[in-house]
Amino acid sequence: MARRNELVRIRRGLYLPVSRWMELEPWEQFRVKIQAVNDAARKPPVFCDQSAAALWGLPLIEVPEEVETLVMPGPGGGRSRYGIRRRLAVPEACEVVVLDGLLVTSMDQTIRDLAALLPLTGSLPAADRAASFWKQSGRSPEEFGERILSQLGGLSKVKQRRVQRVLAAADPTSGSPGESLSRAVMIQAGVPKPELQTAHRDAQGLIGYSDFHWPEHGAVGEFDGWAKYSRGEYLAGRSPEDVLEAEKIREDRLRATGLTVVRWMWPEAKDGARLLLKLRKAGIRQ
């Protein structure tokens, strides 16, 4: 059936129908690959880094090609091959838990490892989401990351500074991974720090909440992902055309208050130079 292109081989002995595989989004396919690595292993692996992030529900801007697992120092750890990237653990700062039946690094360790491994544009979306989970649990937002910062001893000075930077920038009010990615681009470029999720009003009442607000520049920034125009939970029974019309009315009301409105989508957020050009044209610059 695989030779007839009726099945997709996920790992040796593990297949899915082509039609089912093609229905999955790239990050869902990655999650299936993680499960397949676990099910095909003789000894349960420990998933780490971006694979752990996927299991924790933390957003990834780019879906990895390889599944990442953790190995302890010493012989017998195995090599990175066949779609698996093996990462060397730091024993004194290794915390493993069971999540959905799989062994995975704790959320704190996962955030720490992502921050040490990835650029800010790759790690801040996950850190923002983790900070949001922390806040939703009723804990003080100011305490987010304190435990992580206390467990940096096994990292190099450079990686410690990376982790500290990510945790200092993490914000639970970020509305989406695209907004987090956009903010990371701004931070790296030295763009003035925006307020997040600011309420705006006019004579008719509440207009809405802007993703980014620079009051000193009289400007707001809006990241538009495709989800709000296509997914049922965002449409809330409305058609995409209704949502577009509502967005236009909202933007007109914002502009009528004297604000400059800057909008961008995923291509600009991923190509930071294009996003920064839009912001500079609106007068928002270092």
Protein backbone atom coordinates (compact mmCIF):
# COMPACT_ATOMS: atom_id res chain seq x y z
CA MET A 1 0.00 0.00 0.00
CA ALA A 2 2.92 2.35 0.68
CA ARG A 3 4.41 1.53 -2.74
CA ARG A 4 1.04 2.39 -4.28
CA ASN A 5 1.12 5.73 -2.39
CA GLU A 6 -1.88 4.75 -0.31
CA LEU A 7 0.04 4.92 2.98
CA VAL A 8 2.62 7.34 4.39
CA ARG A 9 5.45 5.71 6.33
CA ILE A 10 5.93 7.65 9.59
CA ARG A 11 8.51 5.26 11.00
CA ARG A 12 9.36 1.62 10.45
CA GLY A 13 6.15 -0.37 10.89
CA LEU A 14 4.04 2.76 11.51
CA TYR A 15 1.90 4.18 8.71
CA LEU A 16 -1.04 6.50 8.11
CA PRO A 17 -3.38 6.70 5.13
CA VAL A 18 -2.20 9.41 2.73
CA SER A 19 -5.58 11.13 2.90
CA ARG A 20 -5.42 11.36 6.71
CA TRP A 21 -1.81 12.59 6.69
CA MET A 22 -2.59 15.34 4.19
CA GLU A 23 -5.47 16.56 6.37
CA LEU A 24 -3.04 17.39 9.18
CA GLU A 25 -1.40 20.76 9.63
CA PRO A 26 2.44 20.69 9.66
CA TRP A 27 2.60 20.98 13.48
CA GLU A 28 0.06 18.14 13.77
CA GLN A 29 2.21 16.00 11.51
CA PHE A 30 5.17 16.79 13.78
CA ARG A 31 3.18 15.62 16.80
CA VAL A 32 2.44 12.35 15.00
CA LYS A 33 6.16 11.92 14.29
CA ILE A 34 6.91 12.39 18.00
CA GLN A 35 4.39 9.70 18.92
CA ALA A 36 5.84 7.38 16.29
CA VAL A 37 9.38 7.83 17.66
CA ASN A 38 8.07 6.92 21.10
CA ASP A 39 6.10 3.89 19.91
CA ALA A 40 8.98 2.53 17.82
CA ALA A 41 11.62 2.88 20.55
CA ARG A 42 12.83 -0.10 22.59
CA LYS A 43 13.28 2.20 25.60
CA PRO A 44 10.95 5.19 26.15
CA PRO A 45 12.80 8.30 24.96
CA VAL A 46 12.77 11.67 26.73
CA PHE A 47 11.56 14.40 24.40
CA CYS A 48 13.20 17.81 24.70
CA ASP A 49 13.61 21.24 23.12
CA GLN A 50 11.15 21.91 20.28
CA SER A 51 9.65 18.41 20.51
CA ALA A 52 8.92 19.02 24.19
CA ALA A 53 7.46 22.41 23.29
CA ALA A 54 5.07 20.75 20.84
CA LEU A 55 3.94 18.32 23.53
CA TRP A 56 3.40 21.14 26.04
CA GLY A 57 1.32 23.11 23.53
CA LEU A 58 3.94 25.85 23.17
CA PRO A 59 3.99 27.48 19.71
CA LEU A 60 6.79 26.89 17.22
CA ILE A 61 7.32 29.38 14.42
CA GLU A 62 9.02 26.81 12.18
CA VAL A 63 8.16 23.12 12.40
CA PRO A 64 11.38 21.10 12.94
CA GLU A 65 12.47 18.40 10.53
CA GLU A 66 13.78 16.18 13.34
CA VAL A 67 12.34 14.91 16.60
CA GLU A 68 14.58 15.82 19.53
CA THR A 69 15.33 13.43 22.38
CA LEU A 70 17.53 13.76 25.45
CA VAL A 71 20.49 11.53 26.27
CA MET A 72 22.71 11.53 29.33
CA PRO A 73 26.48 12.00 29.00
CA GLY A 74 28.49 8.83 28.61
CA PRO A 75 28.64 5.86 26.23
CA GLY A 76 25.60 4.29 24.70
CA GLY A 77 23.66 7.49 24.11
CA GLY A 78 23.22 6.80 20.43
CA ARG A 79 23.66 9.01 17.39
CA SER A 80 21.43 11.55 15.67
CA ARG A 81 19.98 9.86 12.60
CA TYR A 82 16.79 8.65 10.93
CA GLY A 83 14.90 11.84 11.76
CA ILE A 84 15.95 11.94 15.42
CA ARG A 85 18.22 14.63 16.89
CA ARG A 86 19.74 13.53 20.18
CA ARG A 87 20.61 16.34 22.61
CA LEU A 88 23.10 15.94 25.45
CA ALA A 89 21.51 16.51 28.84
CA VAL A 90 22.92 18.66 31.64
CA PRO A 91 22.41 16.19 34.52
CA GLU A 92 22.36 18.79 37.31
CA ALA A 93 19.56 20.72 35.58
CA CYS A 94 17.50 17.90 34.06
CA GLU A 95 13.85 17.54 35.04
CA VAL A 96 11.70 14.91 33.34
CA VAL A 97 7.95 14.45 33.75
CA VAL A 98 5.25 12.27 32.18
CA LEU A 99 2.90 14.12 29.83
CA ASP A 100 0.14 12.30 27.93
CA GLY A 101 2.01 9.05 28.53
CA LEU A 102 5.30 10.37 27.13
CA LEU A 103 8.52 11.29 28.91
CA VAL A 104 9.27 14.98 28.37
CA THR A 105 11.39 17.71 29.91
CA SER A 106 9.42 19.89 32.33
CA MET A 107 7.91 23.09 31.00
CA ASP A 108 10.49 25.16 32.90
CA GLN A 109 13.36 23.17 31.44
CA THR A 110 11.79 23.27 27.99
CA ILE A 111 11.56 27.08 28.08
CA ARG A 112 15.13 27.31 29.37
CA ASP A 113 16.43 25.00 26.63
CA LEU A 114 14.54 26.79 23.86
CA ALA A 115 15.83 30.15 25.05
CA ALA A 116 19.40 28.84 25.10
CA LEU A 117 19.10 27.11 21.72
CA LEU A 118 17.00 29.39 19.50
CA PRO A 119 17.12 33.06 18.52
CA LEU A 120 14.65 35.37 20.24
CA THR A 121 12.28 35.10 17.27
CA GLY A 122 12.07 31.33 17.85
CA SER A 123 11.92 31.25 21.65
CA LEU A 124 9.80 34.26 22.63
CA PRO A 125 6.47 32.87 21.28
CA ALA A 126 6.89 29.79 23.49
CA ALA A 127 7.96 31.88 26.50
CA ASP A 128 4.96 34.18 26.08
CA ARG A 129 2.60 31.19 25.98
CA ALA A 130 4.26 29.67 29.05
CA ALA A 131 3.91 33.01 30.86
CA SER A 132 0.22 33.01 29.93
CA PHE A 133 -0.23 29.48 31.33
CA TRP A 134 1.53 30.65 34.50
CA LYS A 135 -0.78 33.67 34.87
CA GLN A 136 -3.91 31.57 34.20
CA SER A 137 -2.92 29.29 37.07
CA GLY A 138 -3.30 32.24 39.45
CA ARG A 139 0.39 32.72 40.13
CA SER A 140 2.02 36.15 40.12
CA PRO A 141 3.28 37.13 36.62
CA GLU A 142 6.29 38.77 38.28
CA GLU A 143 7.41 35.36 39.58
CA PHE A 144 7.41 33.73 36.14
CA GLY A 145 10.87 32.43 35.30
CA GLU A 146 12.36 32.74 38.78
CA ARG A 147 12.85 28.97 39.06
CA ILE A 148 14.38 28.83 35.60
CA LEU A 149 16.84 31.59 36.45
CA SER A 150 17.91 29.64 39.53
CA GLN A 151 18.90 26.64 37.37
CA LEU A 152 21.29 28.13 34.82
CA GLY A 153 24.51 26.86 36.37
CA GLY A 154 25.14 24.16 33.75
CA LEU A 155 24.92 26.62 30.84
CA SER A 156 27.65 28.76 29.31
CA LYS A 157 27.63 32.50 30.04
CA VAL A 158 26.38 33.20 26.53
CA LYS A 159 23.43 30.80 26.92
CA GLN A 160 22.66 32.18 30.37
CA ARG A 161 22.36 35.67 28.88
CA ARG A 162 20.06 34.34 26.15
CA VAL A 163 17.76 32.76 28.72
CA GLN A 164 17.74 35.91 30.86
CA ARG A 165 16.85 38.03 27.82
CA VAL A 166 13.94 35.80 26.83
CA LEU A 167 12.50 35.66 30.34
CA ALA A 168 12.81 39.44 30.72
CA ALA A 169 10.87 39.91 27.46
CA ALA A 170 8.16 37.27 28.06
CA ASP A 171 4.69 38.78 28.35
CA PRO A 172 1.50 36.81 29.14
CA THR A 173 -0.68 39.41 27.38
CA SER A 174 0.71 38.59 23.93
CA GLY A 175 -2.30 37.58 21.86
CA SER A 176 -0.78 35.08 19.41
CA PRO A 177 2.48 33.51 18.23
CA GLY A 178 2.54 35.99 15.33
CA GLU A 179 2.37 38.89 17.77
CA SER A 180 5.17 37.35 19.84
CA LEU A 181 7.32 36.87 16.74
CA SER A 182 6.66 40.47 15.71
CA ARG A 183 7.66 41.74 19.15
CA ALA A 184 10.87 39.71 19.03
CA VAL A 185 11.76 41.40 15.73
CA MET A 186 11.09 44.78 17.35
CA ILE A 187 13.22 43.99 20.40
CA GLN A 188 16.14 42.85 18.26
CA ALA A 189 15.93 46.03 16.17
CA GLY A 190 15.61 48.37 19.17
CA VAL A 191 12.10 49.55 18.23
CA PRO A 192 10.42 51.52 21.07
CA LYS A 193 8.61 49.13 23.40
CA PRO A 194 4.86 49.01 22.65
CA GLU A 195 1.98 48.58 25.03
CA LEU A 196 0.10 45.32 24.43
CA GLN A 197 -3.67 44.85 24.23
CA THR A 198 -4.54 48.51 24.85
CA ALA A 199 -8.25 49.42 24.96
CA HIS A 200 -9.33 52.22 22.57
CA ARG A 201 -12.58 54.16 22.78
CA ASP A 202 -14.44 56.85 20.89
CA ALA A 203 -17.81 58.57 21.27
CA GLN A 204 -19.57 55.30 20.41
CA GLY A 205 -17.76 53.39 23.17
CA LEU A 206 -15.17 50.64 23.05
CA ILE A 207 -13.55 50.25 19.64
CA GLY A 208 -11.43 47.27 20.59
CA TYR A 209 -7.99 46.27 21.79
CA SER A 210 -4.89 46.91 19.71
CA ASP A 211 -2.13 44.32 19.50
CA PHE A 212 0.52 47.03 19.84
CA HIS A 213 0.23 50.67 20.88
CA TRP A 214 2.85 53.41 20.78
CA PRO A 215 1.09 56.35 22.48
CA GLU A 216 4.10 58.64 22.05
CA HIS A 217 3.94 58.03 18.28
CA GLY A 218 0.15 58.10 18.01
CA ALA A 219 0.21 54.69 16.35
CA VAL A 220 -1.14 51.17 16.78
CA GLY A 221 0.07 47.95 15.20
CA GLU A 222 -2.13 45.00 14.23
CA PHE A 223 -0.91 41.52 13.36
CA ASP A 224 -3.38 39.66 11.15
CA GLY A 225 -3.16 35.88 11.02
CA TRP A 226 -5.31 33.88 8.64
CA ALA A 227 -7.02 32.17 11.58
CA LYS A 228 -9.40 35.04 12.31
CA TYR A 229 -10.72 34.85 8.75
CA SER A 230 -10.92 31.06 8.46
CA ARG A 231 -11.30 29.21 11.77
CA GLY A 232 -14.68 28.64 13.33
CA GLU A 233 -13.66 29.69 16.85
CA TYR A 234 -12.63 33.11 15.52
CA LEU A 235 -15.50 33.51 13.08
CA ALA A 236 -18.07 32.83 15.85
CA GLY A 237 -20.81 32.07 13.33
CA ARG A 238 -19.87 34.92 11.00
CA SER A 239 -18.65 34.63 7.43
CA PRO A 240 -15.09 35.68 6.53
CA GLU A 241 -16.62 38.61 4.66
CA ASP A 242 -18.41 39.73 7.83
CA VAL A 243 -15.15 39.59 9.79
CA LEU A 244 -13.32 41.61 7.13
CA GLU A 245 -16.06 44.24 7.16
CA ALA A 246 -15.95 44.45 10.96
CA GLU A 247 -12.17 44.86 10.84
CA LYS A 248 -12.50 47.69 8.31
CA ILE A 249 -15.05 49.51 10.48
CA ARG A 250 -12.85 49.03 13.54
CA GLU A 251 -9.81 50.40 11.70
CA ASP A 252 -11.76 53.41 10.40
CA ARG A 253 -12.83 54.21 13.97
CA LEU A 254 -9.23 53.95 15.19
CA ARG A 255 -8.01 56.27 12.45
CA ALA A 256 -10.80 58.73 13.24
CA THR A 257 -9.33 59.15 16.74
CA GLY A 258 -6.10 60.36 15.15
CA LEU A 259 -4.17 57.12 15.39
CA THR A 260 -1.97 55.76 12.62
CA VAL A 261 -2.79 52.09 12.01
CA VAL A 262 -0.08 49.70 10.79
CA ARG A 263 -1.11 46.19 9.76
CA TRP A 264 0.98 43.19 8.80
CA MET A 265 0.70 39.43 8.35
CA TRP A 266 2.93 36.36 8.62
CA PRO A 267 5.19 37.16 5.61
CA GLU A 268 6.22 40.50 7.16
CA ALA A 269 6.61 39.04 10.65
CA LYS A 270 8.88 36.28 9.34
CA ASP A 271 10.85 38.71 7.18
CA GLY A 272 11.76 41.21 9.88
CA ALA A 273 13.11 43.78 7.41
CA ARG A 274 9.67 44.12 5.82
CA LEU A 275 8.00 44.59 9.21
CA LEU A 276 10.55 47.20 10.31
CA LEU A 277 10.04 49.11 7.05
CA LYS A 278 6.29 49.29 7.71
CA LEU A 279 6.94 50.58 11.23
CA ARG A 280 9.47 53.17 10.06
CA LYS A 281 7.00 54.50 7.48
CA ALA A 282 4.57 55.03 10.38
CA GLY A 283 7.20 56.98 12.27
CA ILE A 284 8.01 54.17 14.72
CA ARG A 285 11.75 53.83 14.84
CA GLN A 286 14.68 53.54 17.20
